[in-house]
Amino acid sequence: MGQAAIVVRATRCLGVAVGQSPAQPTELSQIGPNLVAPDGTGDINNYTVIYVLTNQALAEHFQTAGLPAVFRS
């Protein structure tokens, strides 16, 4: 059987600007499964289930682009 685990990647930026909005500190997390082939060969595959952001303009931009994103304050 293959293996799967939940992967959470997070980053923090001092300033992120979207369009004409002023730059603001932003935290972004990418959450999803990490899949490994059952025979151990091949690459590890990471898939995004959702992005969680502290920048509302960036979350809305992600959503407009069709990405699963939510804003949290």
Protein backbone atom coordinates (compact mmCIF):
# COMPACT_ATOMS: atom_id res chain seq x y z
CA MET A 1 0.00 0.00 0.00
CA GLY A 2 1.04 3.57 -0.62
CA GLN A 3 1.47 6.21 2.00
CA ALA A 4 -0.32 9.50 2.39
CA ALA A 5 0.17 12.26 4.92
CA ILE A 6 -1.12 15.75 5.45
CA VAL A 7 1.39 18.45 4.56
CA VAL A 8 1.17 22.00 5.86
CA ARG A 9 3.56 24.55 4.44
CA ALA A 10 3.58 28.04 5.83
CA THR A 11 5.35 31.28 5.09
CA ARG A 12 5.32 34.82 6.41
CA CYS A 13 6.09 37.92 4.34
CA LEU A 14 6.71 41.41 5.68
CA GLY A 15 4.74 42.99 2.86
CA VAL A 16 2.50 41.68 0.08
CA ALA A 17 0.60 44.00 -2.25
CA VAL A 18 -2.12 42.90 -4.66
CA GLY A 19 -2.89 45.26 -7.51
CA GLN A 20 -3.04 48.78 -6.12
CA SER A 21 -3.58 47.72 -2.50
CA PRO A 22 -0.95 48.80 0.03
CA ALA A 23 1.57 46.14 1.09
CA GLN A 24 0.73 44.42 4.35
CA PRO A 25 2.29 41.65 6.45
CA THR A 26 0.94 38.31 5.23
CA GLU A 27 0.95 34.72 6.44
CA LEU A 28 0.08 31.99 3.94
CA SER A 29 -0.45 28.28 4.61
CA GLN A 30 -0.84 25.58 1.98
CA ILE A 31 -2.60 22.44 3.23
CA GLY A 32 -2.98 19.15 1.38
CA PRO A 33 -2.02 15.49 1.09
CA ASN A 34 1.45 14.19 0.27
CA LEU A 35 1.29 10.94 -1.73
CA VAL A 36 4.08 8.39 -2.15
CA ALA A 37 3.93 5.62 -4.76
CA PRO A 38 3.14 2.16 -3.28
CA ASP A 39 6.40 0.69 -4.62
CA GLY A 40 8.48 3.64 -3.39
CA THR A 41 9.46 4.74 -6.88
CA GLY A 42 8.73 8.02 -8.55
CA ASP A 43 8.38 11.47 -7.14
CA ILE A 44 6.51 12.57 -4.08
CA ASN A 45 3.30 14.32 -5.09
CA ASN A 46 1.84 17.18 -3.07
CA TYR A 47 -1.67 18.43 -3.76
CA THR A 48 -3.26 21.60 -2.42
CA VAL A 49 -6.64 21.27 -0.75
CA ILE A 50 -6.78 24.83 0.53
CA TYR A 51 -4.75 27.99 1.06
CA VAL A 52 -5.28 29.96 4.28
CA LEU A 53 -4.16 33.60 4.19
CA THR A 54 -4.11 36.62 6.49
CA ASN A 55 -4.29 38.99 3.51
CA GLN A 56 -7.89 39.43 2.36
CA ALA A 57 -6.98 40.97 -1.01
CA LEU A 58 -4.65 38.06 -1.79
CA ALA A 59 -7.24 35.49 -0.70
CA GLU A 60 -9.81 37.12 -3.01
CA HIS A 61 -7.24 37.16 -5.84
CA PHE A 62 -6.61 33.43 -5.33
CA GLN A 63 -10.37 32.76 -5.36
CA THR A 64 -10.81 34.78 -8.56
CA ALA A 65 -8.09 32.64 -10.15
CA GLY A 66 -10.06 29.52 -9.13
CA LEU A 67 -7.83 28.49 -6.24
CA PRO A 68 -9.32 27.22 -2.97
CA ALA A 69 -8.47 29.99 -0.51
CA VAL A 70 -9.87 31.42 2.70
CA PHE A 71 -9.06 34.59 4.61
CA ARG A 72 -8.53 34.44 8.35
CA SER A 73 -7.77 37.47 10.46
